[in-house]
Amino acid sequence: MSTALDRGESTCLMEPLLIGETSRHRAPLTDLAVDLAARSAGLRRSLPKGISTALADLVRAMNCYYSNLIEGHDTHPVDIERALKNDYSNDARKRELQLEAKAHITVQRWIDGGGLGGRAATADGMREVHRRFGELLPEEFLWVEDPETGERLKLIPGELRRRDVKVGQHVAISPGAIVRFLAHFERTYSQLGKADAILALAAAHHRLLWIHPFLDGNGRVARLMSHAMLLEILDTGGIWSVARGLARNVAAYKSHLANCDLPRRNDLDGRGTLSEEALAGFTRFFLETCIDQVSFMEGLIQPDRLRARILLWADEETRLGALPPRAGNILEAVLYRGELPRRDVAGLLGTTARHARRIVAALSDRGVLVSEGPRAPLRLAFPAVLASRWMPGLFPERVA
């Protein structure tokens, strides 16, 4: 683990970077890419804007939960939501995990707002993601232990590693070579057309991990990069996440990544240094995982079923006295329209403006209605604490 200079490795060592047009794997993978693009676009078109915004907020917490879970850090979205409101656990370890999750959410919100601006697959963009994430981490999470020597090393957010590393059986390139390899990475993945860019998602994901540019945090940066690339290429709106699928199939995910480190097997295995067959296998797994997650979300937010679940909850809460009568009418209107002007509420309910404000306040207190200001339209929110009722299966129940 001593400091190393550039040993002059050729960037050919990480070829192939793409599944070429003449590859025997190309046609079936292209079919998957076309299917993914069509399904993702259909899901986005099916939702009113107000619902898309609310759903993206919940999916952001879900994405954070599953990405951290892959790293062995289990912070439930309910606790993530608490952290976003500066409500932290008294337990020091849980508080640190909440801060880590809040950092992830903050960076992803920045990405979702266009912060990367087409720089997802650039060295500059990846360093900024790493820097923004690392600067928000608790101090303890900025220390990495060398597994061989036990030496504790300080992680500098945004700084490329300056030491040799070994990940599993893979010995990463020398630290001095990282800049050259990232430049080659950027030239390859930043100038692709839509179809090629979809096909390249998995390859870019693995090759970044193969380069291993940072001392720690590479997995999270790779998944945030993939999220940003999907957001840009498919205009997903952030309403579905591949991280959930990767975490639910984490053994297969890690197995594919390890296989992609393997050298070319024979003359039928492409023309690069690394195995094209393994890269094609990971590409198929990645695209099928994306399609599965779009299909899952599509079923979850099927309008009639989503409406029935939310109105059933509102009816039960009303009967228990936790919500005033006719609260469900407001939720139903917001579901249908996407957002509801405040001036319309009294007429919708057939009541006085004062009583309408009381019902709106009750729903706002429960976190299911939000607005950008006291006069702004009302929008639906999907609080994590209600996800098991409103969005069953999105993430596991929290264990007390």
Protein backbone atom coordinates (compact mmCIF):
# COMPACT_ATOMS: atom_id res chain seq x y z
CA MET A 1 0.00 0.00 0.00
CA SER A 2 2.99 2.32 -0.39
CA THR A 3 2.74 5.49 -2.47
CA ALA A 4 3.21 4.70 -6.17
CA LEU A 5 4.05 6.69 -9.26
CA ASP A 6 2.56 6.20 -12.69
CA ARG A 7 3.82 2.82 -13.84
CA GLY A 8 2.89 3.66 -17.42
CA GLU A 9 -0.05 1.25 -17.80
CA SER A 10 -1.77 1.47 -21.18
CA THR A 11 -5.43 2.48 -21.23
CA CYS A 12 -5.95 -0.60 -23.41
CA LEU A 13 -5.96 -2.55 -20.13
CA MET A 14 -9.61 -1.59 -19.56
CA GLU A 15 -10.81 -2.35 -23.09
CA PRO A 16 -13.43 -3.06 -24.25
CA LEU A 17 -15.18 0.05 -22.98
CA LEU A 18 -18.22 -0.54 -25.20
CA ILE A 19 -20.11 -3.45 -26.71
CA GLY A 20 -19.15 -2.86 -30.33
CA GLU A 21 -21.55 -2.81 -33.27
CA THR A 22 -20.08 -6.04 -34.65
CA SER A 23 -20.28 -7.89 -31.34
CA ARG A 24 -22.47 -10.99 -31.26
CA HIS A 25 -23.91 -9.67 -27.97
CA ARG A 26 -25.05 -6.36 -29.45
CA ALA A 27 -28.48 -7.20 -30.92
CA PRO A 28 -30.19 -8.67 -27.82
CA LEU A 29 -28.74 -5.90 -25.65
CA THR A 30 -30.06 -3.28 -28.08
CA ASP A 31 -33.53 -4.80 -27.72
CA LEU A 32 -33.28 -4.40 -23.95
CA ALA A 33 -32.13 -0.78 -24.33
CA VAL A 34 -35.10 0.05 -26.59
CA ASP A 35 -37.50 -1.64 -24.14
CA LEU A 36 -36.05 0.29 -21.20
CA ALA A 37 -36.32 3.64 -23.01
CA ALA A 38 -39.95 2.99 -23.97
CA ARG A 39 -41.00 1.81 -20.49
CA SER A 40 -39.25 4.67 -18.71
CA ALA A 41 -40.82 7.28 -20.99
CA GLY A 42 -44.26 5.71 -20.54
CA LEU A 43 -43.95 5.78 -16.76
CA ARG A 44 -42.92 9.44 -16.77
CA ARG A 45 -45.80 10.45 -19.09
CA SER A 46 -48.37 8.63 -16.94
CA LEU A 47 -47.90 10.92 -13.92
CA PRO A 48 -49.06 14.50 -13.30
CA LYS A 49 -46.11 16.79 -12.57
CA GLY A 50 -47.05 17.31 -8.92
CA ILE A 51 -47.16 13.57 -8.30
CA SER A 52 -43.83 13.08 -10.10
CA THR A 53 -42.18 15.65 -7.84
CA ALA A 54 -43.52 14.00 -4.68
CA LEU A 55 -42.56 10.55 -5.88
CA ALA A 56 -39.03 11.70 -6.77
CA ASP A 57 -38.54 12.89 -3.18
CA LEU A 58 -39.48 9.47 -1.81
CA VAL A 59 -37.41 7.62 -4.42
CA ARG A 60 -34.43 9.76 -3.48
CA ALA A 61 -34.64 8.44 0.08
CA MET A 62 -35.16 4.92 -1.27
CA ASN A 63 -32.14 5.22 -3.56
CA CYS A 64 -30.03 6.42 -0.65
CA TYR A 65 -31.24 3.54 1.54
CA TYR A 66 -30.43 0.84 -1.00
CA SER A 67 -27.11 2.33 -2.13
CA ASN A 68 -25.91 2.52 1.48
CA LEU A 69 -27.28 -0.97 2.15
CA ILE A 70 -24.98 -2.32 -0.57
CA GLU A 71 -22.11 -0.86 1.48
CA GLY A 72 -23.40 -2.59 4.62
CA HIS A 73 -24.94 0.54 6.14
CA ASP A 74 -28.62 0.08 7.04
CA THR A 75 -30.38 3.40 7.61
CA HIS A 76 -34.13 3.10 7.08
CA PRO A 77 -35.85 5.83 4.98
CA VAL A 78 -37.94 6.80 8.01
CA ASP A 79 -34.70 7.64 9.85
CA ILE A 80 -33.34 9.31 6.69
CA GLU A 81 -36.46 11.48 6.58
CA ARG A 82 -35.94 12.37 10.25
CA ALA A 83 -32.35 13.40 9.49
CA LEU A 84 -33.55 15.72 6.71
CA LYS A 85 -35.55 17.50 9.41
CA ASN A 86 -32.47 17.60 11.70
CA ASP A 87 -34.05 15.03 14.01
CA TYR A 88 -31.16 12.73 14.91
CA SER A 89 -30.88 9.64 17.04
CA ASN A 90 -29.27 9.87 20.47
CA ASP A 91 -27.23 6.78 19.57
CA ALA A 92 -23.89 8.01 18.18
CA ARG A 93 -23.57 5.29 15.51
CA LYS A 94 -27.14 5.76 14.27
CA ARG A 95 -26.59 9.51 14.16
CA GLU A 96 -23.47 9.04 12.01
CA LEU A 97 -25.43 6.82 9.63
CA GLN A 98 -28.18 9.43 9.46
CA LEU A 99 -25.61 12.09 8.59
CA GLU A 100 -24.16 9.82 5.90
CA ALA A 101 -27.65 9.31 4.45
CA LYS A 102 -28.36 13.04 4.58
CA ALA A 103 -25.13 13.65 2.66
CA HIS A 104 -26.22 11.17 -0.02
CA ILE A 105 -29.67 12.78 -0.29
CA THR A 106 -28.16 16.26 -0.55
CA VAL A 107 -25.84 15.24 -3.38
CA GLN A 108 -28.56 13.38 -5.25
CA ARG A 109 -30.93 16.34 -4.91
CA TRP A 110 -28.18 18.49 -6.42
CA ILE A 111 -27.81 15.99 -9.28
CA ASP A 112 -31.59 15.81 -9.81
CA GLY A 113 -31.66 19.59 -10.04
CA GLY A 114 -29.17 19.53 -12.92
CA GLY A 115 -26.04 20.15 -10.87
CA LEU A 116 -23.86 17.92 -13.03
CA GLY A 117 -25.12 19.48 -16.27
CA GLY A 118 -23.99 16.68 -18.58
CA ARG A 119 -20.78 16.02 -16.61
CA ALA A 120 -21.83 12.67 -15.12
CA ALA A 121 -19.16 10.69 -16.98
CA THR A 122 -16.41 13.29 -16.66
CA ALA A 123 -13.48 13.30 -14.27
CA ASP A 124 -14.48 16.75 -13.07
CA GLY A 125 -18.05 15.64 -12.42
CA MET A 126 -17.06 12.53 -10.50
CA ARG A 127 -14.58 14.45 -8.36
CA GLU A 128 -17.28 17.01 -7.54
CA VAL A 129 -19.74 14.28 -6.56
CA HIS A 130 -17.10 12.71 -4.32
CA ARG A 131 -16.16 16.08 -2.83
CA ARG A 132 -19.75 17.16 -2.14
CA PHE A 133 -20.55 13.82 -0.53
CA GLY A 134 -17.37 13.61 1.54
CA GLU A 135 -17.58 17.16 2.86
CA LEU A 136 -20.91 16.33 4.50
CA LEU A 137 -19.79 13.07 6.14
CA PRO A 138 -19.12 12.77 9.87
CA GLU A 139 -15.41 12.75 10.74
CA GLU A 140 -15.31 9.03 11.55
CA PHE A 141 -16.48 8.15 8.02
CA LEU A 142 -13.49 9.97 6.53
CA TRP A 143 -11.04 7.40 7.85
CA VAL A 144 -10.18 4.22 5.97
CA GLU A 145 -8.25 1.28 7.41
CA ASP A 146 -5.68 -0.55 5.31
CA PRO A 147 -6.85 -4.20 5.56
CA GLU A 148 -3.28 -5.52 5.35
CA THR A 149 -1.42 -3.19 7.72
CA GLY A 150 -4.23 -1.79 9.87
CA GLU A 151 -2.99 1.74 9.12
CA ARG A 152 -5.73 4.41 9.30
CA LEU A 153 -5.79 6.71 6.29
CA LYS A 154 -7.61 10.06 6.01
CA LEU A 155 -9.95 10.40 3.03
CA ILE A 156 -9.78 13.81 1.37
CA PRO A 157 -13.11 14.55 -0.37
CA GLY A 158 -12.66 14.94 -4.13
CA GLU A 159 -9.00 13.93 -4.06
CA LEU A 160 -7.80 11.07 -6.30
CA ARG A 161 -6.07 8.27 -4.40
CA ARG A 162 -2.32 8.44 -4.03
CA ARG A 163 -1.74 4.82 -3.02
CA ASP A 164 -1.99 1.39 -4.62
CA VAL A 165 -5.11 -0.60 -3.73
CA LYS A 166 -6.41 -4.11 -4.18
CA VAL A 167 -10.16 -4.76 -4.36
CA GLY A 168 -10.95 -8.45 -4.06
CA GLN A 169 -8.67 -10.08 -6.62
CA HIS A 170 -8.34 -6.91 -8.68
CA VAL A 171 -5.19 -4.82 -8.31
CA ALA A 172 -6.17 -1.33 -9.47
CA ILE A 173 -3.97 0.77 -11.72
CA SER A 174 -1.18 2.82 -10.19
CA PRO A 175 -2.32 6.13 -8.69
CA GLY A 176 -0.27 8.16 -11.12
CA ALA A 177 -2.13 6.57 -14.04
CA ILE A 178 -5.61 7.53 -12.80
CA VAL A 179 -5.73 10.90 -14.56
CA ARG A 180 -4.88 9.31 -17.92
CA PHE A 181 -7.45 6.55 -17.48
CA LEU A 182 -10.18 8.96 -16.41
CA ALA A 183 -9.47 11.11 -19.46
CA HIS A 184 -9.90 8.03 -21.69
CA PHE A 185 -13.05 7.12 -19.76
CA GLU A 186 -14.45 10.62 -20.31
CA ARG A 187 -13.69 10.64 -24.05
CA THR A 188 -15.47 7.32 -24.42
CA TYR A 189 -18.63 7.81 -22.38
CA SER A 190 -19.35 11.55 -22.62
CA GLN A 191 -20.03 11.80 -26.34
CA LEU A 192 -22.37 8.90 -27.09
CA GLY A 193 -25.75 8.98 -28.80
CA LYS A 194 -28.81 7.91 -26.81
CA ALA A 195 -28.87 4.24 -27.88
CA ASP A 196 -25.13 3.76 -27.34
CA ALA A 197 -25.30 5.63 -24.04
CA ILE A 198 -27.97 3.26 -22.69
CA LEU A 199 -25.89 0.27 -23.75
CA ALA A 200 -22.83 1.82 -22.09
CA LEU A 201 -24.42 2.36 -18.65
CA ALA A 202 -23.17 -0.89 -17.16
CA ALA A 203 -19.76 -0.65 -18.83
CA ALA A 204 -19.19 2.84 -17.44
CA HIS A 205 -20.34 1.68 -14.01
CA HIS A 206 -17.84 -1.18 -13.92
CA ARG A 207 -14.92 0.60 -15.57
CA LEU A 208 -15.11 3.42 -13.03
CA LEU A 209 -14.92 0.86 -10.22
CA TRP A 210 -12.09 -0.87 -12.09
CA ILE A 211 -10.10 2.39 -12.17
CA HIS A 212 -10.94 2.92 -8.48
CA PRO A 213 -10.04 6.61 -8.56
CA PHE A 214 -10.72 7.37 -4.89
CA LEU A 215 -9.33 5.85 -1.72
CA ASP A 216 -12.92 5.10 -0.64
CA GLY A 217 -16.46 5.90 -1.77
CA ASN A 218 -16.08 4.56 -5.31
CA GLY A 219 -19.22 2.40 -5.13
CA ARG A 220 -21.44 5.29 -4.10
CA VAL A 221 -19.91 7.58 -6.73
CA ALA A 222 -20.46 4.90 -9.40
CA ARG A 223 -24.11 4.45 -8.43
CA LEU A 224 -24.69 8.22 -8.30
CA MET A 225 -23.00 8.49 -11.69
CA SER A 226 -25.30 5.79 -13.09
CA HIS A 227 -28.30 7.60 -11.59
CA ALA A 228 -27.17 10.86 -13.23
CA MET A 229 -26.60 9.17 -16.59
CA LEU A 230 -30.06 7.55 -16.47
CA LEU A 231 -31.58 10.89 -15.48
CA GLU A 232 -29.99 12.59 -18.48
CA ILE A 233 -30.29 9.88 -21.12
CA LEU A 234 -33.83 8.72 -20.32
CA ASP A 235 -35.20 11.86 -18.61
CA THR A 236 -36.39 9.61 -15.78
CA GLY A 237 -37.46 12.46 -13.54
CA GLY A 238 -35.92 10.51 -10.67
CA ILE A 239 -39.12 8.47 -10.20
CA TRP A 240 -37.41 5.08 -10.25
CA SER A 241 -34.03 3.83 -9.12
CA VAL A 242 -31.72 1.05 -10.25
CA ALA A 243 -30.12 0.96 -6.77
CA ARG A 244 -33.13 -0.90 -5.35
CA GLY A 245 -32.72 -3.67 -7.92
CA LEU A 246 -28.96 -3.90 -7.40
CA ALA A 247 -29.37 -4.16 -3.62
CA ARG A 248 -32.10 -6.80 -3.89
CA ASN A 249 -29.74 -8.84 -6.09
CA VAL A 250 -26.52 -7.78 -4.43
CA ALA A 251 -24.77 -11.16 -4.74
CA ALA A 252 -25.38 -11.24 -8.50
CA TYR A 253 -24.38 -7.56 -8.77
CA LYS A 254 -21.05 -8.13 -7.04
CA SER A 255 -20.46 -11.37 -8.95
CA HIS A 256 -20.94 -9.57 -12.28
CA LEU A 257 -18.55 -6.82 -11.21
CA ALA A 258 -15.91 -9.40 -10.27
CA ASN A 259 -16.40 -11.26 -13.57
CA CYS A 260 -15.87 -8.03 -15.50
CA ASP A 261 -12.38 -7.80 -13.94
CA LEU A 262 -11.39 -11.06 -15.67
CA PRO A 263 -9.16 -11.11 -18.75
CA ARG A 264 -10.38 -12.11 -22.20
CA ARG A 265 -10.95 -15.89 -22.22
CA ASN A 266 -10.35 -16.84 -25.84
CA ASP A 267 -10.57 -15.61 -29.45
CA LEU A 268 -14.39 -15.58 -29.26
CA ASP A 269 -14.34 -13.24 -26.27
CA GLY A 270 -13.88 -9.92 -28.03
CA ARG A 271 -10.65 -8.16 -28.90
CA GLY A 272 -9.92 -6.25 -25.69
CA THR A 273 -7.81 -7.06 -22.67
CA LEU A 274 -10.85 -7.76 -20.49
CA SER A 275 -13.67 -10.21 -21.16
CA GLU A 276 -16.35 -8.88 -23.53
CA GLU A 277 -18.63 -11.77 -22.60
CA ALA A 278 -18.50 -10.78 -18.92
CA LEU A 279 -19.17 -7.15 -19.81
CA ALA A 280 -22.13 -8.19 -21.97
CA GLY A 281 -23.44 -10.32 -19.10
CA PHE A 282 -23.27 -7.37 -16.70
CA THR A 283 -24.90 -5.11 -19.29
CA ARG A 284 -27.78 -7.55 -19.65
CA PHE A 285 -28.13 -7.82 -15.87
CA PHE A 286 -28.03 -4.03 -15.45
CA LEU A 287 -30.59 -3.30 -18.17
CA GLU A 288 -32.92 -6.07 -17.01
CA THR A 289 -32.64 -4.70 -13.46
CA CYS A 290 -33.58 -1.24 -14.73
CA ILE A 291 -36.58 -2.63 -16.63
CA ASP A 292 -37.67 -4.60 -13.57
CA GLN A 293 -37.56 -1.47 -11.42
CA VAL A 294 -39.54 0.58 -13.93
CA SER A 295 -42.15 -2.21 -14.09
CA PHE A 296 -42.27 -2.41 -10.30
CA MET A 297 -42.83 1.32 -9.96
CA GLU A 298 -45.38 1.28 -12.78
CA GLY A 299 -47.44 -1.31 -10.91
CA LEU A 300 -47.06 0.51 -7.63
CA ILE A 301 -48.38 3.84 -8.91
CA GLN A 302 -51.11 2.43 -11.16
CA PRO A 303 -53.62 5.29 -10.69
CA ASP A 304 -56.65 3.33 -9.50
CA ARG A 305 -54.65 1.22 -7.05
CA LEU A 306 -52.64 4.15 -5.69
CA ARG A 307 -55.83 6.18 -5.25
CA ALA A 308 -57.54 3.27 -3.46
CA ARG A 309 -54.63 2.78 -1.03
CA ILE A 310 -54.38 6.49 -0.16
CA LEU A 311 -58.13 7.00 0.24
CA LEU A 312 -58.42 3.85 2.37
CA TRP A 313 -55.73 5.26 4.67
CA ALA A 314 -57.52 8.63 4.83
CA ASP A 315 -60.83 6.93 5.61
CA GLU A 316 -59.27 4.87 8.42
CA GLU A 317 -57.56 7.93 9.89
CA THR A 318 -60.83 9.86 9.77
CA ARG A 319 -62.72 7.09 11.56
CA LEU A 320 -60.00 7.04 14.22
CA GLY A 321 -60.30 10.79 14.67
CA ALA A 322 -56.76 11.45 13.45
CA LEU A 323 -58.01 13.39 10.39
CA PRO A 324 -61.10 15.58 10.03
CA PRO A 325 -63.97 14.44 7.77
CA ARG A 326 -63.58 15.07 4.03
CA ALA A 327 -59.76 15.12 4.22
CA GLY A 328 -59.81 12.30 1.66
CA ASN A 329 -61.60 14.58 -0.81
CA ILE A 330 -58.61 16.89 -0.90
CA LEU A 331 -56.18 14.01 -1.41
CA GLU A 332 -58.34 12.62 -4.20
CA ALA A 333 -58.40 16.00 -5.97
CA VAL A 334 -54.64 16.40 -5.68
CA LEU A 335 -54.12 12.87 -7.02
CA TYR A 336 -56.27 13.66 -10.02
CA ARG A 337 -54.95 17.14 -10.80
CA GLY A 338 -51.35 16.90 -9.60
CA GLU A 339 -51.75 20.06 -7.53
CA LEU A 340 -54.65 21.98 -6.02
CA PRO A 341 -54.91 25.80 -5.71
CA ARG A 342 -55.78 26.72 -2.13
CA ARG A 343 -58.66 28.93 -3.26
CA ASP A 344 -60.37 25.84 -4.70
CA VAL A 345 -60.41 23.84 -1.46
CA ALA A 346 -63.47 25.41 0.20
CA GLY A 347 -65.56 25.02 -2.97
CA LEU A 348 -64.40 21.45 -3.41
CA LEU A 349 -65.47 20.57 0.13
CA GLY A 350 -68.57 22.73 0.21
CA THR A 351 -67.46 24.34 3.45
CA THR A 352 -66.18 27.64 4.80
CA ALA A 353 -62.67 28.86 4.01
CA ARG A 354 -61.77 28.62 7.70
CA HIS A 355 -62.85 24.98 7.93
CA ALA A 356 -61.03 24.20 4.67
CA ARG A 357 -57.83 25.66 6.12
CA ARG A 358 -58.22 23.47 9.20
CA ILE A 359 -58.45 20.31 7.08
CA VAL A 360 -55.46 21.39 4.96
CA ALA A 361 -53.48 22.05 8.15
CA ALA A 362 -54.30 18.57 9.47
CA LEU A 363 -53.07 16.95 6.26
CA SER A 364 -49.95 19.14 6.24
CA ASP A 365 -49.19 18.17 9.83
CA ARG A 366 -49.28 14.52 8.75
CA GLY A 367 -46.75 15.32 6.02
CA VAL A 368 -49.02 14.25 3.14
CA LEU A 369 -49.64 17.75 1.74
CA VAL A 370 -46.89 20.27 0.98
CA SER A 371 -46.59 23.59 -0.80
CA GLU A 372 -43.83 26.03 -1.61
CA GLY A 373 -45.47 28.86 0.29
CA PRO A 374 -48.61 29.94 2.16
CA ARG A 375 -50.34 30.84 -1.10
CA ALA A 376 -48.77 28.23 -3.35
CA PRO A 377 -50.80 25.27 -4.67
CA LEU A 378 -51.03 22.12 -2.57
CA ARG A 379 -49.11 19.05 -3.71
CA LEU A 380 -49.09 15.48 -2.50
CA ALA A 381 -46.13 14.17 -0.50
CA PHE A 382 -45.15 10.55 0.11
CA PRO A 383 -43.75 10.47 3.67
CA ALA A 384 -41.54 7.48 4.34
CA VAL A 385 -43.49 6.61 7.47
CA LEU A 386 -46.55 5.89 5.28
CA ALA A 387 -44.70 4.08 2.50
CA SER A 388 -45.72 0.64 3.73
CA ARG A 389 -49.38 1.67 3.29
CA TRP A 390 -49.17 3.89 0.23
CA MET A 391 -46.24 2.28 -1.63
CA PRO A 392 -45.95 -1.31 -0.32
CA GLY A 393 -42.72 -3.10 -1.18
CA LEU A 394 -40.73 0.03 -1.92
CA PHE A 395 -38.47 -0.76 1.03
CA PRO A 396 -38.69 -3.08 4.05
CA GLU A 397 -40.65 -2.29 7.17
CA ARG A 398 -38.52 -0.64 9.83
CA VAL A 399 -37.65 -2.98 12.67
CA ALA A 400 -38.02 -1.25 16.04
